[in-house]
Amino acid sequence: MAILNFPPSPSVGQQYIADNGVIYVFDGAKWEGSLTYYENTSTSYVGATGATGPHGTTGATGLTGSTGIQGIQGNIGATGAAGQTGATGAGATGVAGPAGAT
């Protein structure tokens, strides 16, 4: 911050322009900052733009979000085609049963 270097023996109404452009006016007892600013158009105070700084580090991974709602059930599919008939069995022929009543 700049040091304000007011004149040692000011008169009432005397103005002082600080390095930051604020105009101070002496009221007989103290210096009052004015809402008026002085713009020095003969000297530029803006320097060249500096180089871009380096990229920062990557932040931590965020928390996992909550599970979404379950979707609706899909339509029932068509009935599949009938399978092939299986092979005939190869077992031995059984004994004949008893004769029935007459």
PDB file of N, CA and C in Angstrom:
ATOM      1  N   MET A   1       0.851  -1.169   0.000  1.00  0.00           N
ATOM      2  CA  MET A   1       0.000   0.000   0.000  1.00  0.00           C
ATOM      3  C   MET A   1       0.900   1.237   0.000  1.00  0.00           C
ATOM      4  N   ALA A   2       0.519   2.241  -0.788  1.00  0.00           N
ATOM      5  CA  ALA A   2       1.302   3.467  -0.895  1.00  0.00           C
ATOM      6  C   ALA A   2       1.149   4.319   0.365  1.00  0.00           C
ATOM      7  N   ILE A   3       2.204   5.053   0.666  1.00  0.00           N
ATOM      8  CA  ILE A   3       2.174   5.982   1.811  1.00  0.00           C
ATOM      9  C   ILE A   3       1.629   7.318   1.307  1.00  0.00           C
ATOM     10  N   LEU A   4       0.672   7.876   2.054  1.00  0.00           N
ATOM     11  CA  LEU A   4       0.126   9.187   1.688  1.00  0.00           C
ATOM     12  C   LEU A   4       1.064  10.251   2.238  1.00  0.00           C
ATOM     13  N   ASN A   5       1.513  11.122   1.374  1.00  0.00           N
ATOM     14  CA  ASN A   5       2.499  12.146   1.733  1.00  0.00           C
ATOM     15  C   ASN A   5       1.862  13.529   1.564  1.00  0.00           C
ATOM     16  N   PHE A   6       0.963  13.905   2.511  1.00  0.00           N
ATOM     17  CA  PHE A   6       0.239  15.168   2.420  1.00  0.00           C
ATOM     18  C   PHE A   6       1.185  16.352   2.615  1.00  0.00           C
ATOM     19  N   PRO A   7       0.846  17.498   2.017  1.00  0.00           N
ATOM     20  CA  PRO A   7       1.662  18.706   2.220  1.00  0.00           C
ATOM     21  C   PRO A   7       1.641  19.123   3.701  1.00  0.00           C
ATOM     22  N   PRO A   8       2.750  19.695   4.224  1.00  0.00           N
ATOM     23  CA  PRO A   8       2.845  20.020   5.646  1.00  0.00           C
ATOM     24  C   PRO A   8       1.945  21.171   6.117  1.00  0.00           C
ATOM     25  N   SER A   9       1.670  22.166   5.298  1.00  0.00           N
ATOM     26  CA  SER A   9       0.854  23.321   5.710  1.00  0.00           C
ATOM     27  C   SER A   9      -0.237  23.576   4.671  1.00  0.00           C
ATOM     28  N   PRO A  10      -1.276  22.727   4.620  1.00  0.00           N
ATOM     29  CA  PRO A  10      -2.299  22.906   3.592  1.00  0.00           C
ATOM     30  C   PRO A  10      -3.245  24.041   3.920  1.00  0.00           C
ATOM     31  N   SER A  11      -3.888  24.542   2.881  1.00  0.00           N
ATOM     32  CA  SER A  11      -4.932  25.538   3.074  1.00  0.00           C
ATOM     33  C   SER A  11      -6.286  24.868   2.820  1.00  0.00           C
ATOM     34  N   VAL A  12      -7.350  25.457   3.354  1.00  0.00           N
ATOM     35  CA  VAL A  12      -8.688  24.895   3.206  1.00  0.00           C
ATOM     36  C   VAL A  12      -9.026  24.791   1.715  1.00  0.00           C
ATOM     37  N   GLY A  13      -9.511  23.589   1.316  1.00  0.00           N
ATOM     38  CA  GLY A  13      -9.877  23.359  -0.080  1.00  0.00           C
ATOM     39  C   GLY A  13      -8.728  22.861  -0.941  1.00  0.00           C
ATOM     40  N   GLN A  14      -7.528  22.799  -0.369  1.00  0.00           N
ATOM     41  CA  GLN A  14      -6.378  22.325  -1.145  1.00  0.00           C
ATOM     42  C   GLN A  14      -6.561  20.837  -1.456  1.00  0.00           C
ATOM     43  N   GLN A  15      -6.174  20.452  -2.687  1.00  0.00           N
ATOM     44  CA  GLN A  15      -6.307  19.060  -3.105  1.00  0.00           C
ATOM     45  C   GLN A  15      -4.953  18.361  -3.124  1.00  0.00           C
ATOM     46  N   TYR A  16      -4.988  17.054  -2.828  1.00  0.00           N
ATOM     47  CA  TYR A  16      -3.797  16.211  -2.897  1.00  0.00           C
ATOM     48  C   TYR A  16      -4.204  14.955  -3.656  1.00  0.00           C
ATOM     49  N   ILE A  17      -3.451  14.615  -4.702  1.00  0.00           N
ATOM     50  CA  ILE A  17      -3.750  13.421  -5.494  1.00  0.00           C
ATOM     51  C   ILE A  17      -2.774  12.323  -5.075  1.00  0.00           C
ATOM     52  N   ALA A  18      -3.325  11.243  -4.517  1.00  0.00           N
ATOM     53  CA  ALA A  18      -2.505  10.115  -4.060  1.00  0.00           C
ATOM     54  C   ALA A  18      -2.076   9.260  -5.248  1.00  0.00           C
ATOM     55  N   ASP A  19      -1.100   8.371  -5.004  1.00  0.00           N
ATOM     56  CA  ASP A  19      -0.601   7.491  -6.067  1.00  0.00           C
ATOM     57  C   ASP A  19      -1.686   6.595  -6.654  1.00  0.00           C
ATOM     58  N   ASN A  20      -2.713   6.263  -5.879  1.00  0.00           N
ATOM     59  CA  ASN A  20      -3.795   5.401  -6.363  1.00  0.00           C
ATOM     60  C   ASN A  20      -4.869   6.184  -7.128  1.00  0.00           C
ATOM     61  N   GLY A  21      -4.696   7.495  -7.296  1.00  0.00           N
ATOM     62  CA  GLY A  21      -5.627   8.313  -8.059  1.00  0.00           C
ATOM     63  C   GLY A  21      -6.731   8.956  -7.242  1.00  0.00           C
ATOM     64  N   VAL A  22      -6.817   8.669  -5.941  1.00  0.00           N
ATOM     65  CA  VAL A  22      -7.849   9.277  -5.097  1.00  0.00           C
ATOM     66  C   VAL A  22      -7.471  10.729  -4.828  1.00  0.00           C
ATOM     67  N   ILE A  23      -8.448  11.618  -4.964  1.00  0.00           N
ATOM     68  CA  ILE A  23      -8.215  13.037  -4.693  1.00  0.00           C
ATOM     69  C   ILE A  23      -8.671  13.328  -3.271  1.00  0.00           C
ATOM     70  N   TYR A  24      -7.759  13.841  -2.433  1.00  0.00           N
ATOM     71  CA  TYR A  24      -8.063  14.215  -1.049  1.00  0.00           C
ATOM     72  C   TYR A  24      -8.177  15.730  -0.988  1.00  0.00           C
ATOM     73  N   VAL A  25      -9.152  16.226  -0.203  1.00  0.00           N
ATOM     74  CA  VAL A  25      -9.365  17.665  -0.046  1.00  0.00           C
ATOM     75  C   VAL A  25      -9.230  18.004   1.439  1.00  0.00           C
ATOM     76  N   PHE A  26      -8.457  19.066   1.756  1.00  0.00           N
ATOM     77  CA  PHE A  26      -8.260  19.487   3.138  1.00  0.00           C
ATOM     78  C   PHE A  26      -9.420  20.379   3.550  1.00  0.00           C
ATOM     79  N   ASP A  27     -10.126  20.022   4.677  1.00  0.00           N
ATOM     80  CA  ASP A  27     -11.302  20.791   5.096  1.00  0.00           C
ATOM     81  C   ASP A  27     -10.991  21.767   6.241  1.00  0.00           C
ATOM     82  N   GLY A  28      -9.727  21.966   6.529  1.00  0.00           N
ATOM     83  CA  GLY A  28      -9.334  22.876   7.608  1.00  0.00           C
ATOM     84  C   GLY A  28      -8.859  22.117   8.834  1.00  0.00           C
ATOM     85  N   ALA A  29      -9.312  20.867   9.003  1.00  0.00           N
ATOM     86  CA  ALA A  29      -8.908  20.060  10.148  1.00  0.00           C
ATOM     87  C   ALA A  29      -8.303  18.723   9.716  1.00  0.00           C
ATOM     88  N   LYS A  30      -8.815  18.197   8.610  1.00  0.00           N
ATOM     89  CA  LYS A  30      -8.344  16.874   8.167  1.00  0.00           C
ATOM     90  C   LYS A  30      -8.481  16.769   6.653  1.00  0.00           C
ATOM     91  N   TRP A  31      -7.806  15.744   6.127  1.00  0.00           N
ATOM     92  CA  TRP A  31      -7.909  15.430   4.702  1.00  0.00           C
ATOM     93  C   TRP A  31      -9.067  14.452   4.500  1.00  0.00           C
ATOM     94  N   GLU A  32      -9.980  14.747   3.573  1.00  0.00           N
ATOM     95  CA  GLU A  32     -11.121  13.887   3.252  1.00  0.00           C
ATOM     96  C   GLU A  32     -10.925  13.310   1.850  1.00  0.00           C
ATOM     97  N   GLY A  33     -11.079  11.973   1.742  1.00  0.00           N
ATOM     98  CA  GLY A  33     -10.994  11.343   0.424  1.00  0.00           C
ATOM     99  C   GLY A  33     -12.221  11.679  -0.389  1.00  0.00           C
ATOM    100  N   SER A  34     -12.024  12.018  -1.637  1.00  0.00           N
ATOM    101  CA  SER A  34     -13.117  12.382  -2.526  1.00  0.00           C
ATOM    102  C   SER A  34     -13.545  11.160  -3.332  1.00  0.00           C
ATOM    103  N   LEU A  35     -14.770  11.158  -3.805  1.00  0.00           N
ATOM    104  CA  LEU A  35     -15.235  10.097  -4.686  1.00  0.00           C
ATOM    105  C   LEU A  35     -14.757  10.330  -6.120  1.00  0.00           C
ATOM    106  N   THR A  36     -14.061  11.458  -6.339  1.00  0.00           N
ATOM    107  CA  THR A  36     -13.525  11.771  -7.652  1.00  0.00           C
ATOM    108  C   THR A  36     -12.116  11.184  -7.756  1.00  0.00           C
ATOM    109  N   TYR A  37     -11.808  10.587  -8.891  1.00  0.00           N
ATOM    110  CA  TYR A  37     -10.487  10.004  -9.104  1.00  0.00           C
ATOM    111  C   TYR A  37      -9.765  10.762 -10.202  1.00  0.00           C
ATOM    112  N   TYR A  38      -8.483  10.843 -10.060  1.00  0.00           N
ATOM    113  CA  TYR A  38      -7.641  11.500 -11.045  1.00  0.00           C
ATOM    114  C   TYR A  38      -7.103  10.425 -11.983  1.00  0.00           C
ATOM    115  N   GLU A  39      -7.250  10.643 -13.268  1.00  0.00           N
ATOM    116  CA  GLU A  39      -6.705   9.705 -14.245  1.00  0.00           C
ATOM    117  C   GLU A  39      -5.551  10.369 -14.961  1.00  0.00           C
ATOM    118  N   ASN A  40      -4.387   9.840 -14.741  1.00  0.00           N
ATOM    119  CA  ASN A  40      -3.176  10.376 -15.376  1.00  0.00           C
ATOM    120  C   ASN A  40      -3.063   9.748 -16.755  1.00  0.00           C
ATOM    121  N   THR A  41      -3.367  10.538 -17.787  1.00  0.00           N
ATOM    122  CA  THR A  41      -3.353   9.995 -19.147  1.00  0.00           C
ATOM    123  C   THR A  41      -1.979  10.093 -19.794  1.00  0.00           C
ATOM    124  N   SER A  42      -1.025  10.755 -19.165  1.00  0.00           N
ATOM    125  CA  SER A  42       0.290  10.886 -19.773  1.00  0.00           C
ATOM    126  C   SER A  42       1.216   9.725 -19.414  1.00  0.00           C
ATOM    127  N   THR A  43       0.889   8.984 -18.388  1.00  0.00           N
ATOM    128  CA  THR A  43       1.744   7.879 -17.969  1.00  0.00           C
ATOM    129  C   THR A  43       0.892   6.631 -17.824  1.00  0.00           C
ATOM    130  N   SER A  44       1.370   5.538 -18.346  1.00  0.00           N
ATOM    131  CA  SER A  44       0.645   4.281 -18.227  1.00  0.00           C
ATOM    132  C   SER A  44       1.183   3.501 -17.046  1.00  0.00           C
ATOM    133  N   TYR A  45       0.276   2.986 -16.214  1.00  0.00           N
ATOM    134  CA  TYR A  45       0.664   2.197 -15.055  1.00  0.00           C
ATOM    135  C   TYR A  45       0.427   0.704 -15.289  1.00  0.00           C
ATOM    136  N   VAL A  46      -0.095   0.344 -16.469  1.00  0.00           N
ATOM    137  CA  VAL A  46      -0.411  -1.040 -16.754  1.00  0.00           C
ATOM    138  C   VAL A  46       0.764  -1.686 -17.464  1.00  0.00           C
ATOM    139  N   GLY A  47       1.274  -2.752 -16.893  1.00  0.00           N
ATOM    140  CA  GLY A  47       2.389  -3.466 -17.505  1.00  0.00           C
ATOM    141  C   GLY A  47       1.884  -4.518 -18.472  1.00  0.00           C
ATOM    142  N   ALA A  48       2.822  -5.209 -19.085  1.00  0.00           N
ATOM    143  CA  ALA A  48       2.476  -6.277 -20.018  1.00  0.00           C
ATOM    144  C   ALA A  48       1.860  -7.449 -19.257  1.00  0.00           C
ATOM    145  N   THR A  49       1.022  -8.187 -19.939  1.00  0.00           N
ATOM    146  CA  THR A  49       0.410  -9.363 -19.333  1.00  0.00           C
ATOM    147  C   THR A  49       1.463 -10.432 -19.148  1.00  0.00           C
ATOM    148  N   GLY A  50       1.465 -11.015 -17.977  1.00  0.00           N
ATOM    149  CA  GLY A  50       2.442 -12.060 -17.687  1.00  0.00           C
ATOM    150  C   GLY A  50       2.085 -13.372 -18.348  1.00  0.00           C
ATOM    151  N   ALA A  51       3.032 -14.313 -18.296  1.00  0.00           N
ATOM    152  CA  ALA A  51       2.821 -15.637 -18.883  1.00  0.00           C
ATOM    153  C   ALA A  51       1.780 -16.406 -18.075  1.00  0.00           C
ATOM    154  N   THR A  52       1.100 -17.328 -18.736  1.00  0.00           N
ATOM    155  CA  THR A  52       0.120 -18.169 -18.061  1.00  0.00           C
ATOM    156  C   THR A  52       0.840 -19.112 -17.115  1.00  0.00           C
ATOM    157  N   GLY A  53       0.299 -19.262 -15.934  1.00  0.00           N
ATOM    158  CA  GLY A  53       0.896 -20.146 -14.946  1.00  0.00           C
ATOM    159  C   GLY A  53       0.653 -21.608 -15.278  1.00  0.00           C
ATOM    160  N   PRO A  54       1.322 -22.508 -14.557  1.00  0.00           N
ATOM    161  CA  PRO A  54       1.159 -23.941 -14.829  1.00  0.00           C
ATOM    162  C   PRO A  54      -0.222 -24.432 -14.381  1.00  0.00           C
ATOM    163  N   HIS A  55      -0.643 -25.552 -14.974  1.00  0.00           N
ATOM    164  CA  HIS A  55      -1.920 -26.158 -14.583  1.00  0.00           C
ATOM    165  C   HIS A  55      -1.802 -26.731 -13.184  1.00  0.00           C
ATOM    166  N   GLY A  56      -2.862 -26.664 -12.442  1.00  0.00           N
ATOM    167  CA  GLY A  56      -2.896 -27.244 -11.109  1.00  0.00           C
ATOM    168  C   GLY A  56      -3.039 -28.762 -11.178  1.00  0.00           C
ATOM    169  N   THR A  57      -2.906 -29.409 -10.043  1.00  0.00           N
ATOM    170  CA  THR A  57      -3.033 -30.863  -9.990  1.00  0.00           C
ATOM    171  C   THR A  57      -4.499 -31.263 -10.101  1.00  0.00           C
ATOM    172  N   THR A  58      -4.725 -32.487 -10.533  1.00  0.00           N
ATOM    173  CA  THR A  58      -6.081 -33.003 -10.670  1.00  0.00           C
ATOM    174  C   THR A  58      -6.677 -33.235  -9.289  1.00  0.00           C
ATOM    175  N   GLY A  59      -7.891 -32.847  -9.109  1.00  0.00           N
ATOM    176  CA  GLY A  59      -8.554 -33.013  -7.824  1.00  0.00           C
ATOM    177  C   GLY A  59      -8.940 -34.463  -7.569  1.00  0.00           C
ATOM    178  N   ALA A  60      -9.353 -34.749  -6.358  1.00  0.00           N
ATOM    179  CA  ALA A  60      -9.750 -36.098  -5.960  1.00  0.00           C
ATOM    180  C   ALA A  60     -11.027 -36.510  -6.679  1.00  0.00           C
ATOM    181  N   THR A  61     -11.200 -37.808  -6.847  1.00  0.00           N
ATOM    182  CA  THR A  61     -12.417 -38.343  -7.475  1.00  0.00           C
ATOM    183  C   THR A  61     -13.601 -38.124  -6.545  1.00  0.00           C
ATOM    184  N   GLY A  62     -14.699 -37.723  -7.102  1.00  0.00           N
ATOM    185  CA  GLY A  62     -15.902 -37.475  -6.306  1.00  0.00           C
ATOM    186  C   GLY A  62     -16.568 -38.770  -5.850  1.00  0.00           C
ATOM    187  N   LEU A  63     -17.550 -38.646  -4.999  1.00  0.00           N
ATOM    188  CA  LEU A  63     -18.279 -39.790  -4.469  1.00  0.00           C
ATOM    189  C   LEU A  63     -19.154 -40.423  -5.551  1.00  0.00           C
ATOM    190  N   THR A  64     -19.435 -41.718  -5.389  1.00  0.00           N
ATOM    191  CA  THR A  64     -20.310 -42.420  -6.324  1.00  0.00           C
ATOM    192  C   THR A  64     -21.751 -41.978  -6.083  1.00  0.00           C
ATOM    193  N   GLY A  65     -22.445 -41.730  -7.159  1.00  0.00           N
ATOM    194  CA  GLY A  65     -23.835 -41.305  -7.044  1.00  0.00           C
ATOM    195  C   GLY A  65     -24.750 -42.460  -6.679  1.00  0.00           C
ATOM    196  N   SER A  66     -25.976 -42.163  -6.322  1.00  0.00           N
ATOM    197  CA  SER A  66     -26.933 -43.186  -5.928  1.00  0.00           C
ATOM    198  C   SER A  66     -27.407 -43.954  -7.163  1.00  0.00           C
ATOM    199  N   THR A  67     -27.915 -45.176  -6.927  1.00  0.00           N
ATOM    200  CA  THR A  67     -28.421 -46.021  -8.011  1.00  0.00           C
ATOM    201  C   THR A  67     -29.708 -45.424  -8.552  1.00  0.00           C
ATOM    202  N   GLY A  68     -29.847 -45.472  -9.864  1.00  0.00           N
ATOM    203  CA  GLY A  68     -31.047 -44.940 -10.496  1.00  0.00           C
ATOM    204  C   GLY A  68     -32.229 -45.879 -10.327  1.00  0.00           C
ATOM    205  N   ILE A  69     -33.416 -45.445 -10.732  1.00  0.00           N
ATOM    206  CA  ILE A  69     -34.627 -46.256 -10.598  1.00  0.00           C
ATOM    207  C   ILE A  69     -34.595 -47.402 -11.610  1.00  0.00           C
ATOM    208  N   GLN A  70     -35.283 -48.515 -11.273  1.00  0.00           N
ATOM    209  CA  GLN A  70     -35.325 -49.668 -12.154  1.00  0.00           C
ATOM    210  C   GLN A  70     -36.246 -49.373 -13.318  1.00  0.00           C
ATOM    211  N   GLY A  71     -35.833 -49.834 -14.490  1.00  0.00           N
ATOM    212  CA  GLY A  71     -36.639 -49.621 -15.681  1.00  0.00           C
ATOM    213  C   GLY A  71     -37.849 -50.543 -15.715  1.00  0.00           C
ATOM    214  N   ILE A  72     -38.765 -50.300 -16.656  1.00  0.00           N
ATOM    215  CA  ILE A  72     -39.971 -51.126 -16.776  1.00  0.00           C
ATOM    216  C   ILE A  72     -39.617 -52.480 -17.378  1.00  0.00           C
ATOM    217  N   GLN A  73     -40.449 -53.528 -17.086  1.00  0.00           N
ATOM    218  CA  GLN A  73     -40.207 -54.869 -17.604  1.00  0.00           C
ATOM    219  C   GLN A  73     -40.548 -54.899 -19.084  1.00  0.00           C
ATOM    220  N   GLY A  74     -39.734 -55.630 -19.842  1.00  0.00           N
ATOM    221  CA  GLY A  74     -39.953 -55.728 -21.280  1.00  0.00           C
ATOM    222  C   GLY A  74     -41.078 -56.693 -21.626  1.00  0.00           C
ATOM    223  N   ASN A  75     -41.468 -56.735 -22.891  1.00  0.00           N
ATOM    224  CA  ASN A  75     -42.531 -57.621 -23.386  1.00  0.00           C
ATOM    225  C   ASN A  75     -42.070 -59.081 -23.346  1.00  0.00           C
ATOM    226  N   ILE A  76     -43.053 -60.017 -23.245  1.00  0.00           N
ATOM    227  CA  ILE A  76     -42.746 -61.442 -23.284  1.00  0.00           C
ATOM    228  C   ILE A  76     -42.459 -61.808 -24.732  1.00  0.00           C
ATOM    229  N   GLY A  77     -41.408 -62.622 -24.916  1.00  0.00           N
ATOM    230  CA  GLY A  77     -41.013 -63.017 -26.270  1.00  0.00           C
ATOM    231  C   GLY A  77     -41.940 -64.073 -26.844  1.00  0.00           C
ATOM    232  N   ALA A  78     -41.820 -64.338 -28.157  1.00  0.00           N
ATOM    233  CA  ALA A  78     -42.645 -65.330 -28.856  1.00  0.00           C
ATOM    234  C   ALA A  78     -42.266 -66.735 -28.405  1.00  0.00           C
ATOM    235  N   THR A  79     -43.215 -67.693 -28.512  1.00  0.00           N
ATOM    236  CA  THR A  79     -42.956 -69.098 -28.177  1.00  0.00           C
ATOM    237  C   THR A  79     -42.014 -69.679 -29.216  1.00  0.00           C
ATOM    238  N   GLY A  80     -41.037 -70.439 -28.717  1.00  0.00           N
ATOM    239  CA  GLY A  80     -40.063 -71.045 -29.627  1.00  0.00           C
ATOM    240  C   GLY A  80     -40.661 -72.218 -30.393  1.00  0.00           C
ATOM    241  N   ALA A  81     -39.966 -72.681 -31.438  1.00  0.00           N
ATOM    242  CA  ALA A  81     -40.411 -73.813 -32.266  1.00  0.00           C
ATOM    243  C   ALA A  81     -40.310 -75.115 -31.468  1.00  0.00           C
ATOM    244  N   ALA A  82     -41.141 -76.144 -31.836  1.00  0.00           N
ATOM    245  CA  ALA A  82     -41.114 -77.446 -31.166  1.00  0.00           C
ATOM    246  C   ALA A  82     -39.800 -78.148 -31.484  1.00  0.00           C
ATOM    247  N   GLY A  83     -39.302 -78.873 -30.504  1.00  0.00           N
ATOM    248  CA  GLY A  83     -38.063 -79.628 -30.715  1.00  0.00           C
ATOM    249  C   GLY A  83     -38.302 -80.910 -31.495  1.00  0.00           C
ATOM    250  N   GLN A  84     -37.231 -81.606 -31.904  1.00  0.00           N
ATOM    251  CA  GLN A  84     -37.326 -82.851 -32.663  1.00  0.00           C
ATOM    252  C   GLN A  84     -37.757 -83.996 -31.752  1.00  0.00           C
ATOM    253  N   THR A  85     -38.386 -85.027 -32.351  1.00  0.00           N
ATOM    254  CA  THR A  85     -38.783 -86.213 -31.605  1.00  0.00           C
ATOM    255  C   THR A  85     -37.528 -86.988 -31.255  1.00  0.00           C
ATOM    256  N   GLY A  86     -37.496 -87.463 -30.027  1.00  0.00           N
ATOM    257  CA  GLY A  86     -36.321 -88.204 -29.588  1.00  0.00           C
ATOM    258  C   GLY A  86     -36.249 -89.598 -30.192  1.00  0.00           C
ATOM    259  N   ALA A  87     -35.087 -90.244 -30.079  1.00  0.00           N
ATOM    260  CA  ALA A  87     -34.859 -91.587 -30.631  1.00  0.00           C
ATOM    261  C   ALA A  87     -35.655 -92.626 -29.838  1.00  0.00           C
ATOM    262  N   THR A  88     -36.002 -93.756 -30.484  1.00  0.00           N
ATOM    263  CA  THR A  88     -36.722 -94.851 -29.833  1.00  0.00           C
ATOM    264  C   THR A  88     -35.777 -95.552 -28.887  1.00  0.00           C
ATOM    265  N   GLY A  89     -36.315 -95.976 -27.724  1.00  0.00           N
ATOM    266  CA  GLY A  89     -35.483 -96.636 -26.720  1.00  0.00           C
ATOM    267  C   GLY A  89     -35.035 -98.023 -27.185  1.00  0.00           C
ATOM    268  N   ALA A  90     -34.030 -98.632 -26.543  1.00  0.00           N
ATOM    269  CA  ALA A  90     -33.467 -99.915 -26.955  1.00  0.00           C
ATOM    270  C   ALA A  90     -33.476-100.915 -25.822  1.00  0.00           C
ATOM    271  N   GLY A  91     -34.505-100.948 -25.019  1.00  0.00           N
ATOM    272  CA  GLY A  91     -34.555-101.875 -23.885  1.00  0.00           C
ATOM    273  C   GLY A  91     -35.058-103.273 -24.303  1.00  0.00           C
ATOM    274  N   ALA A  92     -34.921-104.279 -23.467  1.00  0.00           N
ATOM    275  CA  ALA A  92     -35.412-105.644 -23.753  1.00  0.00           C
ATOM    276  C   ALA A  92     -36.920-105.675 -23.578  1.00  0.00           C
ATOM    277  N   THR A  93     -37.559-106.609 -24.279  1.00  0.00           N
ATOM    278  CA  THR A  93     -39.005-106.751 -24.175  1.00  0.00           C
ATOM    279  C   THR A  93     -39.312-107.425 -22.865  1.00  0.00           C
ATOM    280  N   GLY A  94     -40.298-106.966 -22.155  1.00  0.00           N
ATOM    281  CA  GLY A  94     -40.655-107.529 -20.858  1.00  0.00           C
ATOM    282  C   GLY A  94     -41.434-108.832 -20.989  1.00  0.00           C
ATOM    283  N   VAL A  95     -41.635-109.579 -19.887  1.00  0.00           N
ATOM    284  CA  VAL A  95     -42.399-110.826 -19.871  1.00  0.00           C
ATOM    285  C   VAL A  95     -43.875-110.540 -20.033  1.00  0.00           C
ATOM    286  N   ALA A  96     -44.605-111.485 -20.530  1.00  0.00           N
ATOM    287  CA  ALA A  96     -46.026-111.299 -20.735  1.00  0.00           C
ATOM    288  C   ALA A  96     -46.732-111.372 -19.408  1.00  0.00           C
ATOM    289  N   GLY A  97     -47.738-110.618 -19.235  1.00  0.00           N
ATOM    290  CA  GLY A  97     -48.483-110.602 -17.999  1.00  0.00           C
ATOM    291  C   GLY A  97     -49.459-111.771 -17.923  1.00  0.00           C
ATOM    292  N   PRO A  98     -50.051-112.038 -16.768  1.00  0.00           N
ATOM    293  CA  PRO A  98     -51.000-113.148 -16.600  1.00  0.00           C
ATOM    294  C   PRO A  98     -52.278-112.903 -17.389  1.00  0.00           C
ATOM    295  N   ALA A  99     -52.988-113.953 -17.674  1.00  0.00           N
ATOM    296  CA  ALA A  99     -54.225-113.843 -18.429  1.00  0.00           C
ATOM    297  C   ALA A  99     -55.300-113.280 -17.541  1.00  0.00           C
ATOM    298  N   GLY A 100     -56.163-112.576 -18.108  1.00  0.00           N
ATOM    299  CA  GLY A 100     -57.202-111.957 -17.350  1.00  0.00           C
ATOM    300  C   GLY A 100     -58.344-112.909 -17.010  1.00  0.00           C
ATOM    301  N   ALA A 101     -59.198-112.557 -16.116  1.00  0.00           N
ATOM    302  CA  ALA A 101     -60.335-113.410 -15.674  1.00  0.00           C
ATOM    303  C   ALA A 101     -61.347-113.516 -16.797  1.00  0.00           C
ATOM    304  N   THR A 102     -62.071-114.680 -16.812  1.00  0.00           N
ATOM    305  CA  THR A 102     -63.087-114.897 -17.837  1.00  0.00           C
ATOM    306  C   THR A 102     -64.456-114.909 -17.301  1.00  0.00           C
TER     307      THR A 102
END
